[in-house]
């Protein structure tokens, strides 16, 4: 008969602890509020600018909703590929970051 290995006794409890920690972390992330749009330095270049899109899912999800600054609205395209969204910034601008 083989003697038990004392240095391996911690493996099962550690694996269980890691699994519970991962589950709790995923639940916390799922319950966290969605981030809102913000500009790190200056105003959002797209906010309130004219927007056009390849399509819209329905009248309640127009292209303009993508740039209206309201986190409760959204643009949604038809369920077909390819789709695009275009924002007229009015002039040539330097873009530092794009967040969808």
N, C-alpha and C. Protein backbone atom coordinates (compact mmCIF):
# COMPACT_ATOMS: atom_id res chain seq x y z
N UNK A 1 0.84 -1.16 0.00
CA UNK A 1 0.00 0.00 0.00
C UNK A 1 0.90 1.23 0.00
N UNK A 2 0.52 2.20 -0.80
CA UNK A 2 1.28 3.43 -0.89
C UNK A 2 0.87 4.40 0.23
N UNK A 3 1.84 5.07 0.76
CA UNK A 3 1.57 6.06 1.81
C UNK A 3 1.04 7.34 1.16
N UNK A 4 0.07 8.03 1.80
CA UNK A 4 -0.44 9.28 1.24
C UNK A 4 0.66 10.34 1.19
N UNK A 5 0.57 11.17 0.18
CA UNK A 5 1.54 12.24 0.01
C UNK A 5 1.02 13.50 0.70
N UNK A 6 1.63 13.89 1.80
CA UNK A 6 1.12 15.05 2.55
C UNK A 6 1.20 16.36 1.76
N UNK A 7 2.15 16.46 0.84
CA UNK A 7 2.30 17.71 0.09
C UNK A 7 1.22 17.90 -0.97
N UNK A 8 0.39 16.88 -1.24
CA UNK A 8 -0.68 16.99 -2.23
C UNK A 8 -2.05 17.21 -1.59
N UNK A 9 -2.15 17.25 -0.27
CA UNK A 9 -3.43 17.40 0.41
C UNK A 9 -4.10 18.75 0.13
N UNK A 10 -3.35 19.75 -0.20
CA UNK A 10 -3.87 21.09 -0.41
C UNK A 10 -4.47 21.29 -1.80
N UNK A 11 -4.23 20.40 -2.73
CA UNK A 11 -4.66 20.60 -4.11
C UNK A 11 -6.18 20.66 -4.26
N UNK A 12 -6.90 19.73 -3.72
CA UNK A 12 -8.36 19.71 -3.88
C UNK A 12 -9.01 20.95 -3.25
N UNK A 13 -8.67 21.31 -2.00
CA UNK A 13 -9.27 22.53 -1.44
C UNK A 13 -8.89 23.79 -2.21
N UNK A 14 -7.66 23.85 -2.71
CA UNK A 14 -7.23 25.01 -3.46
C UNK A 14 -8.00 25.12 -4.77
N UNK A 15 -8.18 24.01 -5.46
CA UNK A 15 -8.95 24.02 -6.71
C UNK A 15 -10.39 24.45 -6.45
N UNK A 16 -10.98 23.97 -5.38
CA UNK A 16 -12.35 24.37 -5.04
C UNK A 16 -12.41 25.87 -4.73
N UNK A 17 -11.44 26.38 -3.99
CA UNK A 17 -11.39 27.79 -3.65
C UNK A 17 -11.24 28.64 -4.91
N UNK A 18 -10.39 28.23 -5.83
CA UNK A 18 -10.21 28.97 -7.08
C UNK A 18 -11.48 28.95 -7.92
N UNK A 19 -12.17 27.83 -7.95
CA UNK A 19 -13.42 27.74 -8.71
C UNK A 19 -14.48 28.67 -8.13
N UNK A 20 -14.62 28.69 -6.82
CA UNK A 20 -15.59 29.57 -6.17
C UNK A 20 -15.22 31.03 -6.40
N UNK A 21 -13.94 31.37 -6.32
CA UNK A 21 -13.49 32.74 -6.55
C UNK A 21 -13.79 33.17 -7.98
N UNK A 22 -13.55 32.30 -8.94
CA UNK A 22 -13.84 32.62 -10.34
C UNK A 22 -15.34 32.82 -10.55
N UNK A 23 -16.15 31.99 -9.93
CA UNK A 23 -17.60 32.12 -10.05
C UNK A 23 -18.07 33.44 -9.45
N UNK A 24 -17.58 33.79 -8.28
CA UNK A 24 -17.97 35.06 -7.66
C UNK A 24 -17.52 36.25 -8.49
N UNK A 25 -16.33 36.19 -9.05
CA UNK A 25 -15.84 37.29 -9.88
C UNK A 25 -16.71 37.45 -11.12
N UNK A 26 -17.10 36.36 -11.75
CA UNK A 26 -17.95 36.46 -12.95
C UNK A 26 -19.33 37.00 -12.60
N UNK A 27 -19.86 36.63 -11.43
CA UNK A 27 -21.15 37.17 -11.00
C UNK A 27 -21.07 38.67 -10.74
N UNK A 28 -19.99 39.11 -10.10
CA UNK A 28 -19.81 40.54 -9.84
C UNK A 28 -19.69 41.33 -11.14
N UNK A 29 -18.97 40.78 -12.11
CA UNK A 29 -18.84 41.47 -13.39
C UNK A 29 -20.17 41.53 -14.12
N UNK A 30 -20.97 40.47 -14.03
CA UNK A 30 -22.27 40.45 -14.69
C UNK A 30 -23.23 41.45 -14.05
N UNK A 31 -23.11 41.69 -12.76
CA UNK A 31 -24.01 42.59 -12.05
C UNK A 31 -23.54 44.05 -12.08
N UNK A 32 -22.30 44.28 -12.47
CA UNK A 32 -21.76 45.64 -12.50
C UNK A 32 -22.47 46.46 -13.58
N UNK A 33 -22.72 47.74 -13.33
CA UNK A 33 -23.36 48.57 -14.35
C UNK A 33 -22.44 48.75 -15.55
N UNK A 34 -23.06 48.89 -16.72
CA UNK A 34 -22.29 49.09 -17.95
C UNK A 34 -21.60 50.44 -17.90
N UNK A 35 -20.38 50.52 -18.42
CA UNK A 35 -19.69 51.81 -18.42
C UNK A 35 -20.41 52.81 -19.32
N UNK A 36 -20.36 54.06 -18.97
CA UNK A 36 -20.97 55.09 -19.80
C UNK A 36 -19.88 55.80 -20.59
N UNK A 37 -20.29 56.43 -21.66
CA UNK A 37 -19.34 57.13 -22.51
C UNK A 37 -18.81 58.36 -21.81
N UNK A 38 -17.53 58.59 -21.91
CA UNK A 38 -16.92 59.78 -21.35
C UNK A 38 -15.65 60.09 -22.11
N UNK A 39 -15.23 61.30 -22.05
CA UNK A 39 -14.00 61.72 -22.71
C UNK A 39 -12.93 61.96 -21.67
N UNK A 40 -11.76 61.38 -21.89
CA UNK A 40 -10.66 61.55 -20.94
C UNK A 40 -10.13 62.98 -20.99
N UNK A 41 -10.02 63.53 -22.16
CA UNK A 41 -9.49 64.89 -22.30
C UNK A 41 -10.30 65.60 -23.37
N UNK A 42 -11.28 66.39 -22.97
CA UNK A 42 -12.09 67.12 -23.93
C UNK A 42 -13.42 66.46 -24.18
N UNK A 43 -14.18 67.07 -25.07
CA UNK A 43 -15.52 66.60 -25.38
C UNK A 43 -15.50 65.44 -26.37
N UNK A 44 -16.58 64.69 -26.38
CA UNK A 44 -16.73 63.64 -27.38
C UNK A 44 -16.92 64.29 -28.74
N UNK A 45 -16.10 63.91 -29.69
CA UNK A 45 -16.18 64.52 -31.02
C UNK A 45 -17.47 64.14 -31.74
N UNK A 46 -18.00 62.97 -31.45
CA UNK A 46 -19.16 62.46 -32.18
C UNK A 46 -20.50 62.91 -31.61
N UNK A 47 -20.54 63.36 -30.36
CA UNK A 47 -21.81 63.64 -29.71
C UNK A 47 -22.60 64.73 -30.44
N UNK A 48 -23.82 64.37 -30.84
CA UNK A 48 -24.71 65.30 -31.52
C UNK A 48 -24.40 65.54 -32.99
N UNK A 49 -23.38 64.90 -33.52
CA UNK A 49 -23.03 65.08 -34.94
C UNK A 49 -23.94 64.22 -35.81
N UNK A 50 -24.09 64.58 -37.08
CA UNK A 50 -24.94 63.79 -37.98
C UNK A 50 -24.36 62.38 -38.16
N UNK A 51 -25.22 61.39 -38.05
CA UNK A 51 -24.80 59.99 -38.20
C UNK A 51 -25.69 59.31 -39.22
N UNK A 52 -25.08 58.47 -40.03
CA UNK A 52 -25.81 57.65 -40.99
C UNK A 52 -25.35 56.21 -40.82
N UNK A 53 -26.18 55.29 -41.26
CA UNK A 53 -25.85 53.88 -41.12
C UNK A 53 -26.32 53.11 -42.33
N UNK A 54 -25.75 51.93 -42.50
CA UNK A 54 -26.13 51.07 -43.61
C UNK A 54 -27.56 50.59 -43.49
N UNK A 55 -28.06 50.46 -42.26
CA UNK A 55 -29.44 50.04 -42.03
C UNK A 55 -29.79 50.29 -40.57
N UNK A 56 -31.07 50.15 -40.25
CA UNK A 56 -31.52 50.18 -38.87
C UNK A 56 -32.43 48.99 -38.65
N UNK A 57 -32.41 48.49 -37.44
CA UNK A 57 -33.26 47.34 -37.11
C UNK A 57 -34.73 47.75 -37.14
N UNK A 58 -35.02 48.94 -36.57
CA UNK A 58 -36.39 49.47 -36.58
C UNK A 58 -36.32 50.97 -36.31
N UNK A 59 -37.48 51.63 -36.29
CA UNK A 59 -37.51 53.08 -36.11
C UNK A 59 -37.01 53.51 -34.73
N UNK A 60 -37.01 52.62 -33.76
CA UNK A 60 -36.57 52.96 -32.41
C UNK A 60 -35.07 52.89 -32.21
N UNK A 61 -34.32 52.47 -33.22
CA UNK A 61 -32.86 52.35 -33.09
C UNK A 61 -32.15 53.04 -34.26
N UNK A 62 -32.35 54.36 -34.43
CA UNK A 62 -31.74 55.07 -35.56
C UNK A 62 -30.24 55.29 -35.36
N UNK A 63 -29.54 55.63 -36.43
CA UNK A 63 -28.10 55.90 -36.36
C UNK A 63 -27.81 57.06 -35.42
N UNK A 64 -28.68 58.05 -35.36
CA UNK A 64 -28.45 59.20 -34.50
C UNK A 64 -28.38 58.82 -33.02
N UNK A 65 -29.00 57.70 -32.64
CA UNK A 65 -28.97 57.26 -31.25
C UNK A 65 -27.57 56.81 -30.82
N UNK A 66 -26.71 56.51 -31.77
CA UNK A 66 -25.35 56.09 -31.44
C UNK A 66 -24.50 57.26 -30.93
N UNK A 67 -24.90 58.49 -31.25
CA UNK A 67 -24.09 59.65 -30.91
C UNK A 67 -24.87 60.71 -30.13
N UNK A 68 -26.01 60.33 -29.54
CA UNK A 68 -26.83 61.33 -28.84
C UNK A 68 -26.40 61.55 -27.40
N UNK A 69 -25.43 60.79 -26.88
CA UNK A 69 -24.94 60.97 -25.52
C UNK A 69 -25.81 60.34 -24.45
N UNK A 70 -26.90 59.69 -24.83
CA UNK A 70 -27.82 59.07 -23.88
C UNK A 70 -27.50 57.58 -23.79
N UNK A 71 -27.03 57.09 -22.62
CA UNK A 71 -26.70 55.67 -22.50
C UNK A 71 -27.93 54.76 -22.59
N UNK A 72 -29.12 55.33 -22.58
CA UNK A 72 -30.34 54.52 -22.68
C UNK A 72 -30.81 54.30 -24.10
N UNK A 73 -30.14 54.91 -25.08
CA UNK A 73 -30.51 54.70 -26.48
C UNK A 73 -29.37 54.00 -27.20
N UNK A 74 -29.69 53.46 -28.38
CA UNK A 74 -28.66 52.76 -29.15
C UNK A 74 -29.06 52.70 -30.62
N UNK A 75 -28.06 52.52 -31.46
CA UNK A 75 -28.31 52.20 -32.86
C UNK A 75 -28.24 50.71 -32.99
N UNK A 76 -29.12 50.14 -33.78
CA UNK A 76 -29.09 48.71 -34.06
C UNK A 76 -29.32 48.51 -35.54
N UNK A 77 -28.47 47.72 -36.15
CA UNK A 77 -28.57 47.47 -37.59
C UNK A 77 -29.46 46.27 -37.88
N UNK A 78 -29.76 46.10 -39.15
CA UNK A 78 -30.46 44.89 -39.59
C UNK A 78 -29.54 43.70 -39.33
N UNK A 79 -30.12 42.54 -39.20
CA UNK A 79 -29.35 41.33 -38.88
C UNK A 79 -28.77 40.72 -40.15
N UNK A 80 -27.86 41.42 -40.78
CA UNK A 80 -27.19 40.92 -41.99
C UNK A 80 -25.82 41.59 -42.08
N UNK A 81 -24.87 40.92 -42.67
CA UNK A 81 -23.53 41.48 -42.84
C UNK A 81 -23.37 42.01 -44.25
N UNK A 82 -22.54 42.97 -44.51
CA UNK A 82 -21.84 43.84 -43.57
C UNK A 82 -22.72 45.02 -43.18
N UNK A 83 -22.42 45.65 -42.05
CA UNK A 83 -23.13 46.84 -41.57
C UNK A 83 -22.10 47.90 -41.19
N UNK A 84 -22.49 49.17 -41.24
CA UNK A 84 -21.56 50.23 -40.89
C UNK A 84 -22.30 51.41 -40.29
N UNK A 85 -21.57 52.22 -39.56
CA UNK A 85 -22.06 53.46 -38.96
C UNK A 85 -21.06 54.54 -39.31
N UNK A 86 -21.56 55.69 -39.76
CA UNK A 86 -20.70 56.79 -40.17
C UNK A 86 -21.11 58.04 -39.41
N UNK A 87 -20.13 58.79 -38.89
CA UNK A 87 -20.39 60.02 -38.16
C UNK A 87 -19.65 61.16 -38.86
N UNK A 88 -20.36 62.22 -39.19
CA UNK A 88 -19.76 63.40 -39.82
C UNK A 88 -19.28 64.34 -38.72
N UNK A 89 -17.97 64.43 -38.54
CA UNK A 89 -17.40 65.28 -37.50
C UNK A 89 -17.32 66.75 -37.91
N UNK A 90 -17.68 67.05 -39.16
CA UNK A 90 -17.72 68.44 -39.61
C UNK A 90 -16.42 68.97 -40.19
N UNK A 91 -15.30 68.43 -39.76
CA UNK A 91 -14.00 68.84 -40.27
C UNK A 91 -12.99 67.75 -39.93
N UNK A 92 -11.80 67.91 -40.45
CA UNK A 92 -10.74 66.95 -40.17
C UNK A 92 -10.37 67.03 -38.69
N UNK A 93 -10.34 65.92 -38.00
CA UNK A 93 -10.04 65.88 -36.57
C UNK A 93 -9.02 64.79 -36.29
N UNK A 94 -8.27 64.95 -35.22
CA UNK A 94 -7.36 63.92 -34.74
C UNK A 94 -8.14 63.04 -33.79
N UNK A 95 -8.16 61.76 -34.06
CA UNK A 95 -8.90 60.80 -33.25
C UNK A 95 -7.93 60.11 -32.30
N UNK A 96 -8.19 60.17 -31.01
CA UNK A 96 -7.33 59.55 -30.04
C UNK A 96 -7.83 58.20 -29.59
N UNK A 97 -9.16 57.97 -29.68
CA UNK A 97 -9.73 56.72 -29.21
C UNK A 97 -11.11 56.53 -29.81
N UNK A 98 -11.44 55.31 -30.13
CA UNK A 98 -12.78 54.96 -30.61
C UNK A 98 -13.33 53.92 -29.66
N UNK A 99 -14.51 54.18 -29.09
CA UNK A 99 -15.15 53.25 -28.17
C UNK A 99 -16.53 52.94 -28.70
N UNK A 100 -16.80 51.66 -28.89
CA UNK A 100 -18.12 51.24 -29.33
C UNK A 100 -18.88 50.64 -28.18
